């Protein structure tokens, strides 16, 4: 093989790796849904790959986007995957998320588990209807964020009527506000103590 041939082969190989960077494996999420884990963790990206693997079509999908550069969650972010799969779990921990727009999860009606831990979220960055349409969400991790100054986005969280497990921080001055009372299915709270 000539030098040019080797260069072309390496370039083609690299392009294929960039096009399909997220491995898939069989997986059962914490809600017991059997499906596929699409692991897009640690890619230093702020978008989903455009090419959705064939094995995700018409399947339950757990999407791992942890350790990336996502900063804003919008409805458009998930629309292509949601059009062909049932997304049951999303892991977004360790991103630089500062904003969740209204109806960001609208197309993800099958979402059962959402991990937003260790991001840069604060109360003002989560719009009031950010969690609307999550009628099947049971597990939410929202701990290790920046809620110490303004408190939690209690009105936004109160929309998740199906929530049964919540991971949050407790800190000086923390208290449950009235909107939390609407979370009548909540049966498990896990607290992470923040010492300031």
N, C-alpha and C. Protein backbone atom coordinates (compact mmCIF):
# COMPACT_ATOMS: atom_id res chain seq x y z
N UNK A 1 0.86 -1.18 0.00
CA UNK A 1 0.00 0.00 0.00
C UNK A 1 0.89 1.23 0.00
N UNK A 2 0.59 2.20 -0.84
CA UNK A 2 1.38 3.42 -0.94
C UNK A 2 1.12 4.32 0.25
N UNK A 3 1.96 5.33 0.39
CA UNK A 3 1.77 6.31 1.46
C UNK A 3 0.41 6.98 1.37
N UNK A 4 -0.01 7.35 0.15
CA UNK A 4 -1.32 7.98 -0.05
C UNK A 4 -2.44 6.99 0.30
N UNK A 5 -2.25 5.72 -0.07
CA UNK A 5 -3.25 4.69 0.24
C UNK A 5 -3.43 4.51 1.74
N UNK A 6 -2.32 4.51 2.46
CA UNK A 6 -2.37 4.39 3.93
C UNK A 6 -3.08 5.59 4.52
N UNK A 7 -2.75 6.79 4.01
CA UNK A 7 -3.39 8.01 4.51
C UNK A 7 -4.90 7.98 4.26
N UNK A 8 -5.31 7.56 3.07
CA UNK A 8 -6.74 7.46 2.76
C UNK A 8 -7.43 6.44 3.65
N UNK A 9 -6.78 5.31 3.90
CA UNK A 9 -7.35 4.28 4.77
C UNK A 9 -7.53 4.82 6.18
N UNK A 10 -6.51 5.50 6.70
CA UNK A 10 -6.60 6.05 8.06
C UNK A 10 -7.67 7.12 8.14
N UNK A 11 -7.76 7.99 7.12
CA UNK A 11 -8.78 9.03 7.10
C UNK A 11 -10.17 8.40 7.07
N UNK A 12 -10.38 7.39 6.23
CA UNK A 12 -11.67 6.71 6.16
C UNK A 12 -12.01 6.06 7.50
N UNK A 13 -11.02 5.44 8.13
CA UNK A 13 -11.25 4.79 9.43
C UNK A 13 -11.63 5.81 10.49
N UNK A 14 -10.94 6.96 10.50
CA UNK A 14 -11.24 8.01 11.47
C UNK A 14 -12.64 8.57 11.25
N UNK A 15 -13.02 8.76 9.99
CA UNK A 15 -14.36 9.28 9.70
C UNK A 15 -15.43 8.31 10.19
N UNK A 16 -15.18 7.02 10.03
CA UNK A 16 -16.14 6.04 10.53
C UNK A 16 -16.25 6.09 12.04
N UNK A 17 -15.13 6.26 12.72
CA UNK A 17 -15.16 6.33 14.18
C UNK A 17 -15.94 7.57 14.63
N UNK A 18 -15.73 8.71 13.96
CA UNK A 18 -16.44 9.93 14.32
C UNK A 18 -17.93 9.80 14.04
N UNK A 19 -18.29 9.12 12.95
CA UNK A 19 -19.69 8.97 12.59
C UNK A 19 -20.45 8.06 13.57
N UNK A 20 -19.79 7.06 14.12
CA UNK A 20 -20.44 6.10 15.00
C UNK A 20 -19.64 5.96 16.30
N UNK A 21 -19.60 7.03 17.10
CA UNK A 21 -18.74 7.00 18.29
C UNK A 21 -19.36 6.33 19.50
N UNK A 22 -20.65 5.97 19.44
CA UNK A 22 -21.36 5.52 20.63
C UNK A 22 -21.69 4.04 20.54
N UNK A 23 -21.03 3.22 21.35
CA UNK A 23 -21.34 1.79 21.31
C UNK A 23 -22.72 1.50 21.89
N UNK A 24 -23.27 0.37 21.49
CA UNK A 24 -24.57 -0.07 22.00
C UNK A 24 -24.41 -1.46 22.60
N UNK A 25 -25.11 -1.70 23.71
CA UNK A 25 -25.11 -3.01 24.36
C UNK A 25 -26.50 -3.27 24.94
N UNK A 26 -26.89 -4.53 25.06
CA UNK A 26 -28.16 -4.83 25.73
C UNK A 26 -28.11 -4.31 27.17
N UNK A 27 -29.26 -3.86 27.67
CA UNK A 27 -29.26 -3.19 28.98
C UNK A 27 -30.66 -3.24 29.59
N UNK A 28 -30.71 -3.34 30.91
CA UNK A 28 -31.97 -3.22 31.65
C UNK A 28 -31.83 -2.01 32.57
N UNK A 29 -32.71 -1.02 32.40
CA UNK A 29 -32.60 0.20 33.21
C UNK A 29 -33.17 -0.03 34.62
N UNK A 30 -33.06 0.98 35.48
CA UNK A 30 -33.47 0.80 36.87
C UNK A 30 -34.97 0.65 37.06
N UNK A 31 -35.73 0.92 36.00
CA UNK A 31 -37.18 0.70 36.03
C UNK A 31 -37.55 -0.71 35.58
N UNK A 32 -36.54 -1.47 35.16
CA UNK A 32 -36.79 -2.83 34.69
C UNK A 32 -37.07 -2.94 33.21
N UNK A 33 -36.92 -1.86 32.47
CA UNK A 33 -37.13 -1.88 31.03
C UNK A 33 -35.95 -2.54 30.33
N UNK A 34 -36.22 -3.55 29.57
CA UNK A 34 -35.19 -4.25 28.80
C UNK A 34 -35.03 -3.56 27.46
N UNK A 35 -33.78 -3.27 27.09
CA UNK A 35 -33.56 -2.58 25.82
C UNK A 35 -32.09 -2.48 25.50
N UNK A 36 -31.69 -1.30 25.01
CA UNK A 36 -30.32 -1.06 24.55
C UNK A 36 -29.76 0.18 25.26
N UNK A 37 -28.52 0.07 25.72
CA UNK A 37 -27.78 1.24 26.21
C UNK A 37 -27.00 1.83 25.05
N UNK A 38 -27.26 3.11 24.76
CA UNK A 38 -26.48 3.84 23.75
C UNK A 38 -25.52 4.74 24.52
N UNK A 39 -24.28 4.35 24.56
CA UNK A 39 -23.30 5.01 25.43
C UNK A 39 -22.52 6.07 24.66
N UNK A 40 -22.97 7.32 24.80
CA UNK A 40 -22.29 8.47 24.18
C UNK A 40 -21.57 9.29 25.25
N UNK A 41 -21.12 8.63 26.29
CA UNK A 41 -20.44 9.30 27.40
C UNK A 41 -19.01 9.70 27.02
N UNK A 42 -18.57 10.85 27.56
CA UNK A 42 -17.18 11.26 27.45
C UNK A 42 -16.69 11.57 26.05
N UNK A 43 -17.55 12.11 25.19
CA UNK A 43 -17.17 12.41 23.81
C UNK A 43 -16.81 13.87 23.59
N UNK A 44 -16.90 14.68 24.65
CA UNK A 44 -16.55 16.09 24.54
C UNK A 44 -17.45 16.80 23.53
N UNK A 45 -18.75 16.46 23.55
CA UNK A 45 -19.68 16.99 22.55
C UNK A 45 -20.89 17.64 23.22
N UNK A 46 -21.64 18.41 22.44
CA UNK A 46 -22.87 19.02 22.94
C UNK A 46 -24.06 18.67 22.04
N UNK A 47 -23.92 17.59 21.28
CA UNK A 47 -25.02 17.15 20.41
C UNK A 47 -25.00 15.64 20.26
N UNK A 48 -26.15 15.10 19.92
CA UNK A 48 -26.25 13.67 19.65
C UNK A 48 -25.72 13.38 18.25
N UNK A 49 -25.16 12.20 18.04
CA UNK A 49 -24.76 11.83 16.68
C UNK A 49 -25.98 11.86 15.76
N UNK A 50 -25.79 12.29 14.53
CA UNK A 50 -26.90 12.35 13.58
C UNK A 50 -27.34 10.96 13.13
N UNK A 51 -26.39 10.04 13.05
CA UNK A 51 -26.71 8.68 12.61
C UNK A 51 -27.12 7.83 13.81
N UNK A 52 -28.39 7.49 13.85
CA UNK A 52 -28.90 6.65 14.94
C UNK A 52 -28.71 5.19 14.54
N UNK A 53 -28.04 4.40 15.38
CA UNK A 53 -27.81 2.99 15.03
C UNK A 53 -29.12 2.24 14.77
N UNK A 54 -29.09 1.36 13.82
CA UNK A 54 -30.26 0.58 13.43
C UNK A 54 -30.85 -0.21 14.61
N UNK A 55 -29.98 -0.69 15.49
CA UNK A 55 -30.46 -1.53 16.60
C UNK A 55 -31.28 -0.76 17.64
N UNK A 56 -31.31 0.58 17.54
CA UNK A 56 -32.11 1.38 18.48
C UNK A 56 -33.55 1.58 17.99
N UNK A 57 -33.78 1.31 16.74
CA UNK A 57 -35.10 1.59 16.16
C UNK A 57 -36.15 0.65 16.73
N UNK A 58 -37.23 1.24 17.20
CA UNK A 58 -38.35 0.52 17.82
C UNK A 58 -37.93 -0.28 19.06
N UNK A 59 -36.95 0.24 19.79
CA UNK A 59 -36.48 -0.41 21.02
C UNK A 59 -36.53 0.56 22.18
N UNK A 60 -36.53 0.02 23.40
CA UNK A 60 -36.31 0.84 24.59
C UNK A 60 -34.84 1.22 24.63
N UNK A 61 -34.56 2.49 24.92
CA UNK A 61 -33.18 2.98 24.89
C UNK A 61 -32.84 3.72 26.17
N UNK A 62 -31.69 3.37 26.76
CA UNK A 62 -31.06 4.18 27.80
C UNK A 62 -29.96 4.96 27.12
N UNK A 63 -29.99 6.28 27.27
CA UNK A 63 -29.04 7.17 26.60
C UNK A 63 -28.08 7.74 27.63
N UNK A 64 -26.80 7.40 27.51
CA UNK A 64 -25.78 7.91 28.43
C UNK A 64 -25.01 9.04 27.75
N UNK A 65 -25.28 10.26 28.22
CA UNK A 65 -24.60 11.46 27.71
C UNK A 65 -23.70 12.09 28.77
N UNK A 66 -23.34 11.34 29.78
CA UNK A 66 -22.55 11.89 30.88
C UNK A 66 -21.15 12.32 30.41
N UNK A 67 -20.56 13.23 31.17
CA UNK A 67 -19.19 13.70 30.91
C UNK A 67 -19.04 14.25 29.49
N UNK A 68 -19.93 15.16 29.14
CA UNK A 68 -19.87 15.83 27.84
C UNK A 68 -19.94 17.34 28.04
N UNK A 69 -20.36 18.08 27.00
CA UNK A 69 -20.39 19.54 27.04
C UNK A 69 -21.77 20.12 26.83
N UNK A 70 -22.81 19.36 27.15
CA UNK A 70 -24.16 19.89 26.99
C UNK A 70 -24.38 21.04 27.97
N UNK A 71 -24.96 22.14 27.48
CA UNK A 71 -25.19 23.30 28.33
C UNK A 71 -26.67 23.68 28.40
N UNK A 72 -27.41 23.43 27.33
CA UNK A 72 -28.83 23.75 27.28
C UNK A 72 -29.60 22.53 26.78
N UNK A 73 -30.67 22.18 27.49
CA UNK A 73 -31.51 21.07 27.06
C UNK A 73 -32.76 21.64 26.40
N UNK A 74 -33.00 21.21 25.17
CA UNK A 74 -34.14 21.69 24.39
C UNK A 74 -34.93 20.49 23.87
N UNK A 75 -36.13 20.74 23.44
CA UNK A 75 -36.94 19.68 22.84
C UNK A 75 -36.27 19.12 21.59
N UNK A 76 -35.61 19.96 20.82
CA UNK A 76 -34.98 19.54 19.57
C UNK A 76 -33.81 18.57 19.80
N UNK A 77 -33.17 18.65 20.96
CA UNK A 77 -32.01 17.81 21.24
C UNK A 77 -32.36 16.32 21.10
N UNK A 78 -33.54 15.94 21.57
CA UNK A 78 -33.90 14.53 21.62
C UNK A 78 -34.87 14.10 20.52
N UNK A 79 -35.32 15.00 19.66
CA UNK A 79 -36.43 14.69 18.76
C UNK A 79 -36.13 13.58 17.76
N UNK A 80 -34.93 13.51 17.20
CA UNK A 80 -34.63 12.46 16.22
C UNK A 80 -34.65 11.08 16.85
N UNK A 81 -34.03 10.95 18.02
CA UNK A 81 -34.02 9.66 18.71
C UNK A 81 -35.42 9.28 19.17
N UNK A 82 -36.16 10.25 19.70
CA UNK A 82 -37.52 9.98 20.19
C UNK A 82 -38.46 9.57 19.07
N UNK A 83 -38.16 9.97 17.84
CA UNK A 83 -39.02 9.63 16.71
C UNK A 83 -38.93 8.15 16.33
N UNK A 84 -37.84 7.49 16.71
CA UNK A 84 -37.64 6.09 16.29
C UNK A 84 -37.50 5.11 17.45
N UNK A 85 -37.37 5.63 18.69
CA UNK A 85 -37.13 4.77 19.85
C UNK A 85 -37.99 5.22 21.02
N UNK A 86 -38.09 4.35 22.02
CA UNK A 86 -38.71 4.71 23.29
C UNK A 86 -37.56 4.94 24.27
N UNK A 87 -37.28 6.20 24.57
CA UNK A 87 -36.18 6.53 25.48
C UNK A 87 -36.71 6.39 26.91
N UNK A 88 -36.18 5.42 27.65
CA UNK A 88 -36.67 5.16 29.00
C UNK A 88 -35.77 5.73 30.08
N UNK A 89 -34.52 6.03 29.74
CA UNK A 89 -33.58 6.53 30.74
C UNK A 89 -32.54 7.42 30.07
N UNK A 90 -32.23 8.56 30.71
CA UNK A 90 -31.19 9.46 30.21
C UNK A 90 -30.25 9.81 31.35
N UNK A 91 -28.96 9.68 31.10
CA UNK A 91 -27.92 10.03 32.06
C UNK A 91 -27.18 11.25 31.51
N UNK A 92 -27.32 12.38 32.20
CA UNK A 92 -26.68 13.63 31.77
C UNK A 92 -25.72 14.17 32.83
N UNK A 93 -25.35 13.35 33.78
CA UNK A 93 -24.48 13.82 34.86
C UNK A 93 -23.13 14.29 34.32
N UNK A 94 -22.53 15.22 35.05
CA UNK A 94 -21.20 15.76 34.72
C UNK A 94 -21.17 16.44 33.36
N UNK A 95 -22.20 17.26 33.11
CA UNK A 95 -22.19 18.18 31.97
C UNK A 95 -22.21 19.59 32.55
N UNK A 96 -22.15 20.58 31.70
CA UNK A 96 -22.18 21.98 32.13
C UNK A 96 -23.56 22.59 31.84
N UNK A 97 -24.59 21.86 32.21
CA UNK A 97 -25.96 22.28 31.90
C UNK A 97 -26.35 23.45 32.80
N UNK A 98 -26.72 24.55 32.18
CA UNK A 98 -27.17 25.73 32.94
C UNK A 98 -28.62 26.07 32.64
N UNK A 99 -29.21 25.43 31.61
CA UNK A 99 -30.58 25.77 31.25
C UNK A 99 -31.33 24.55 30.75
N UNK A 100 -32.57 24.40 31.25
CA UNK A 100 -33.50 23.41 30.71
C UNK A 100 -34.74 24.18 30.27
N UNK A 101 -34.99 24.15 28.97
CA UNK A 101 -36.10 24.93 28.43
C UNK A 101 -37.44 24.25 28.69
N UNK A 102 -38.51 25.04 28.62
CA UNK A 102 -39.86 24.51 28.72
C UNK A 102 -40.05 23.38 27.71
N UNK A 103 -40.69 22.31 28.16
CA UNK A 103 -41.05 21.15 27.32
C UNK A 103 -39.84 20.46 26.71
N UNK A 104 -38.69 20.56 27.35
CA UNK A 104 -37.47 19.93 26.83
C UNK A 104 -37.63 18.43 26.65
N UNK A 105 -38.46 17.81 27.49
CA UNK A 105 -38.63 16.36 27.44
C UNK A 105 -39.99 15.95 26.85
N UNK A 106 -40.65 16.85 26.14
CA UNK A 106 -42.01 16.62 25.66
C UNK A 106 -42.13 15.36 24.81
N UNK A 107 -41.14 15.06 24.01
CA UNK A 107 -41.20 13.90 23.11
C UNK A 107 -40.78 12.60 23.79
N UNK A 108 -40.47 12.68 25.08
CA UNK A 108 -39.94 11.52 25.80
C UNK A 108 -40.95 11.01 26.82
N UNK A 109 -42.14 10.69 26.36
CA UNK A 109 -43.22 10.30 27.27
C UNK A 109 -42.93 8.99 27.99
N UNK A 110 -42.02 8.17 27.48
CA UNK A 110 -41.67 6.91 28.13
C UNK A 110 -40.53 7.02 29.12
N UNK A 111 -40.01 8.24 29.34
CA UNK A 111 -38.86 8.42 30.21
C UNK A 111 -39.21 8.06 31.65
N UNK A 112 -38.44 7.13 32.22
CA UNK A 112 -38.68 6.64 33.57
C UNK A 112 -37.60 7.10 34.55
N UNK A 113 -36.39 7.36 34.03
CA UNK A 113 -35.25 7.71 34.89
C UNK A 113 -34.45 8.82 34.23
N UNK A 114 -34.11 9.85 35.02
CA UNK A 114 -33.36 11.01 34.51
C UNK A 114 -32.31 11.41 35.53
N UNK A 115 -31.06 11.44 35.09
CA UNK A 115 -29.93 11.81 35.96
C UNK A 115 -29.36 13.15 35.50
N UNK A 116 -29.60 14.19 36.31
CA UNK A 116 -29.08 15.53 36.06
C UNK A 116 -28.09 15.94 37.16
N UNK A 117 -27.46 14.97 37.79
CA UNK A 117 -26.55 15.27 38.90
C UNK A 117 -25.22 15.82 38.40
N UNK A 118 -24.58 16.59 39.25
CA UNK A 118 -23.25 17.14 38.97
C UNK A 118 -23.19 17.94 37.68
N UNK A 119 -24.20 18.79 37.51
CA UNK A 119 -24.20 19.73 36.40
C UNK A 119 -24.05 21.14 37.00
N UNK A 120 -24.38 22.17 36.28
CA UNK A 120 -24.28 23.54 36.79
C UNK A 120 -25.65 24.19 36.91
N UNK A 121 -26.66 23.39 37.17
CA UNK A 121 -28.03 23.91 37.24
C UNK A 121 -28.27 24.74 38.49
N UNK A 122 -29.09 25.77 38.34
CA UNK A 122 -29.63 26.49 39.49
C UNK A 122 -31.12 26.72 39.22
N UNK A 123 -31.81 27.26 40.20
CA UNK A 123 -33.26 27.40 40.10
C UNK A 123 -33.67 28.22 38.88
N UNK A 124 -32.96 29.30 38.60
CA UNK A 124 -33.34 30.19 37.51
C UNK A 124 -33.07 29.59 36.13
N UNK A 125 -32.26 28.56 36.06
CA UNK A 125 -31.94 27.93 34.77
C UNK A 125 -32.94 26.88 34.34
N UNK A 126 -33.89 26.56 35.20
CA UNK A 126 -34.89 25.54 34.88
C UNK A 126 -36.23 26.22 34.71
N UNK A 127 -36.71 26.26 33.47
CA UNK A 127 -37.97 26.94 33.20
C UNK A 127 -39.14 26.18 33.83
N UNK A 128 -40.23 26.90 34.09
CA UNK A 128 -41.36 26.38 34.86
C UNK A 128 -41.94 25.09 34.29
N UNK A 129 -41.98 24.96 32.96
CA UNK A 129 -42.55 23.77 32.34
C UNK A 129 -41.48 22.84 31.77
N UNK A 130 -40.29 22.90 32.36
CA UNK A 130 -39.18 22.07 31.87
C UNK A 130 -39.49 20.58 31.96
N UNK A 131 -40.19 20.18 33.02
CA UNK A 131 -40.46 18.76 33.24
C UNK A 131 -41.89 18.36 32.87
N UNK A 132 -42.59 19.23 32.17
CA UNK A 132 -43.94 18.89 31.70
C UNK A 132 -43.85 17.69 30.76
N UNK A 133 -44.87 16.90 30.72
CA UNK A 133 -45.00 15.73 29.85
C UNK A 133 -44.24 14.51 30.36
N UNK A 134 -43.60 14.59 31.52
CA UNK A 134 -42.89 13.42 32.06
C UNK A 134 -43.83 12.66 32.99
N UNK A 135 -44.83 12.03 32.40
CA UNK A 135 -45.88 11.37 33.19
C UNK A 135 -45.48 9.99 33.68
N UNK A 136 -44.33 9.48 33.23
CA UNK A 136 -43.86 8.16 33.66
C UNK A 136 -42.54 8.21 34.41
N UNK A 137 -42.04 9.43 34.67
CA UNK A 137 -40.74 9.55 35.35
C UNK A 137 -40.86 9.13 36.80
N UNK A 138 -40.04 8.15 37.18
CA UNK A 138 -40.05 7.66 38.56
C UNK A 138 -38.78 8.05 39.33
N UNK A 139 -37.65 8.10 38.64
CA UNK A 139 -36.36 8.34 39.29
C UNK A 139 -35.74 9.64 38.74
N UNK A 140 -35.43 10.55 39.66
CA UNK A 140 -34.77 11.81 39.29
C UNK A 140 -33.60 12.07 40.21
N UNK A 141 -32.44 12.29 39.61
CA UNK A 141 -31.25 12.71 40.36
C UNK A 141 -30.93 14.14 39.93
N UNK A 142 -30.99 15.03 40.91
CA UNK A 142 -30.74 16.44 40.61
C UNK A 142 -29.79 17.03 41.66
N UNK A 143 -29.07 16.13 42.34
CA UNK A 143 -28.14 16.53 43.39
C UNK A 143 -26.82 17.03 42.80
N UNK A 144 -26.04 17.67 43.66
CA UNK A 144 -24.72 18.19 43.33
C UNK A 144 -24.77 19.22 42.20
N UNK A 145 -25.74 20.13 42.33
CA UNK A 145 -25.87 21.27 41.44
C UNK A 145 -25.73 22.55 42.26
N UNK A 146 -26.27 23.66 41.77
CA UNK A 146 -26.07 24.95 42.43
C UNK A 146 -27.38 25.53 42.97
N UNK A 147 -28.06 24.76 43.80
CA UNK A 147 -29.35 25.20 44.33
C UNK A 147 -29.25 25.88 45.70
N UNK A 148 -28.04 26.03 46.23
CA UNK A 148 -27.87 26.56 47.58
C UNK A 148 -28.35 28.00 47.75
N UNK A 149 -28.23 28.82 46.72
CA UNK A 149 -28.58 30.23 46.87
C UNK A 149 -30.08 30.50 46.71
N UNK A 150 -30.68 29.96 45.67
CA UNK A 150 -32.08 30.26 45.35
C UNK A 150 -33.05 29.15 45.76
N UNK A 151 -32.53 27.98 46.09
CA UNK A 151 -33.40 26.85 46.39
C UNK A 151 -33.70 26.05 45.14
N UNK A 152 -34.61 25.09 45.30
CA UNK A 152 -34.95 24.20 44.19
C UNK A 152 -36.03 24.80 43.28
N UNK A 153 -36.08 24.35 42.03
CA UNK A 153 -37.15 24.78 41.12
C UNK A 153 -38.42 24.01 41.47
N UNK A 154 -38.98 24.33 42.62
CA UNK A 154 -40.07 23.54 43.18
C UNK A 154 -41.30 23.48 42.30
N UNK A 155 -41.64 24.58 41.63
CA UNK A 155 -42.82 24.58 40.75
C UNK A 155 -42.58 23.64 39.57
N UNK A 156 -41.41 23.70 38.97
CA UNK A 156 -41.09 22.81 37.85
C UNK A 156 -41.11 21.36 38.31
N UNK A 157 -40.51 21.07 39.45
CA UNK A 157 -40.47 19.69 39.96
C UNK A 157 -41.85 19.17 40.31
N UNK A 158 -42.73 20.05 40.77
CA UNK A 158 -44.07 19.61 41.19
C UNK A 158 -44.90 19.06 40.03
N UNK A 159 -44.47 19.30 38.80
CA UNK A 159 -45.18 18.78 37.62
C UNK A 159 -44.96 17.28 37.44
N UNK A 160 -43.94 16.72 38.11
CA UNK A 160 -43.62 15.31 37.92
C UNK A 160 -44.41 14.48 38.92
N UNK A 161 -45.70 14.32 38.67
CA UNK A 161 -46.60 13.64 39.59
C UNK A 161 -46.25 12.17 39.80
N UNK A 162 -45.59 11.55 38.83
CA UNK A 162 -45.26 10.13 38.90
C UNK A 162 -44.00 9.85 39.71
N UNK A 163 -43.27 10.88 40.11
CA UNK A 163 -41.96 10.71 40.75
C UNK A 163 -42.05 9.90 42.03
N UNK A 164 -41.22 8.85 42.12
CA UNK A 164 -41.20 8.04 43.35
C UNK A 164 -39.85 8.08 44.06
N UNK A 165 -38.78 8.47 43.37
CA UNK A 165 -37.44 8.52 43.98
C UNK A 165 -36.74 9.80 43.55
N UNK A 166 -36.22 10.54 44.53
CA UNK A 166 -35.59 11.83 44.27
C UNK A 166 -34.28 11.94 45.04
N UNK A 167 -33.20 12.26 44.33
CA UNK A 167 -31.90 12.55 44.94
C UNK A 167 -31.68 14.05 44.89
N UNK A 168 -31.53 14.68 46.05
CA UNK A 168 -31.31 16.12 46.11
C UNK A 168 -30.25 16.43 47.16
N UNK A 169 -29.79 17.68 47.15
CA UNK A 169 -28.86 18.16 48.17
C UNK A 169 -29.65 18.79 49.31
N UNK A 170 -29.09 18.70 50.50
CA UNK A 170 -29.59 19.54 51.58
C UNK A 170 -28.45 20.45 52.02
N UNK A 171 -28.81 21.66 52.39
CA UNK A 171 -27.82 22.68 52.68
C UNK A 171 -28.41 23.64 53.70
N UNK A 172 -27.60 24.54 54.19
CA UNK A 172 -28.06 25.50 55.19
C UNK A 172 -29.24 26.29 54.65
N UNK A 173 -30.33 26.32 55.41
CA UNK A 173 -31.53 27.04 55.01
C UNK A 173 -32.49 26.23 54.15
N UNK A 174 -32.15 24.97 53.85
CA UNK A 174 -33.00 24.14 53.02
C UNK A 174 -34.32 23.82 53.72
N UNK A 175 -35.39 23.87 52.96
CA UNK A 175 -36.68 23.39 53.46
C UNK A 175 -37.54 22.97 52.27
N UNK A 176 -38.48 22.08 52.52
CA UNK A 176 -39.42 21.69 51.47
C UNK A 176 -40.50 22.76 51.39
N UNK A 177 -40.69 23.30 50.22
CA UNK A 177 -41.71 24.33 50.01
C UNK A 177 -43.03 23.67 49.61
N UNK A 178 -44.09 24.45 49.60
CA UNK A 178 -45.44 23.93 49.36
C UNK A 178 -45.57 23.12 48.07
N UNK A 179 -44.97 23.51 46.93
CA UNK A 179 -45.15 22.73 45.71
C UNK A 179 -44.70 21.27 45.84
N UNK A 180 -43.74 20.99 46.74
CA UNK A 180 -43.30 19.61 46.92
C UNK A 180 -44.44 18.71 47.41
N UNK A 181 -45.45 19.30 48.04
CA UNK A 181 -46.56 18.51 48.58
C UNK A 181 -47.35 17.80 47.48
N UNK A 182 -47.25 18.25 46.25
CA UNK A 182 -47.98 17.60 45.16
C UNK A 182 -47.29 16.33 44.68
N UNK A 183 -46.09 16.06 45.17
CA UNK A 183 -45.37 14.83 44.78
C UNK A 183 -45.84 13.68 45.66
N UNK A 184 -47.08 13.28 45.49
CA UNK A 184 -47.72 12.31 46.39
C UNK A 184 -47.24 10.88 46.19
N UNK A 185 -46.57 10.58 45.08
CA UNK A 185 -46.03 9.23 44.86
C UNK A 185 -44.60 9.08 45.35
N UNK A 186 -44.03 10.16 45.87
CA UNK A 186 -42.64 10.13 46.31
C UNK A 186 -42.49 9.23 47.54
N UNK A 187 -41.69 8.19 47.41
CA UNK A 187 -41.52 7.24 48.51
C UNK A 187 -40.07 7.10 48.94
N UNK A 188 -39.14 7.65 48.15
CA UNK A 188 -37.73 7.53 48.48
C UNK A 188 -37.02 8.86 48.24
N UNK A 189 -36.38 9.37 49.28
CA UNK A 189 -35.56 10.59 49.18
C UNK A 189 -34.13 10.23 49.57
N UNK A 190 -33.20 10.62 48.73
CA UNK A 190 -31.79 10.44 49.07
C UNK A 190 -31.16 11.82 49.14
N UNK A 191 -30.61 12.14 50.29
CA UNK A 191 -30.04 13.45 50.53
C UNK A 191 -28.52 13.42 50.42
N UNK A 192 -27.99 14.45 49.81
CA UNK A 192 -26.54 14.67 49.75
C UNK A 192 -26.29 15.98 50.50
N UNK A 193 -25.52 15.90 51.57
CA UNK A 193 -25.32 17.07 52.42
C UNK A 193 -24.23 17.96 51.84
N UNK A 194 -24.58 19.23 51.65
CA UNK A 194 -23.64 20.24 51.16
C UNK A 194 -23.23 21.10 52.35
N UNK A 195 -21.96 21.11 52.66
CA UNK A 195 -21.46 21.92 53.77
C UNK A 195 -20.81 23.17 53.19
N UNK A 196 -21.35 24.35 53.57
CA UNK A 196 -20.79 25.59 53.00
C UNK A 196 -19.85 26.25 53.98
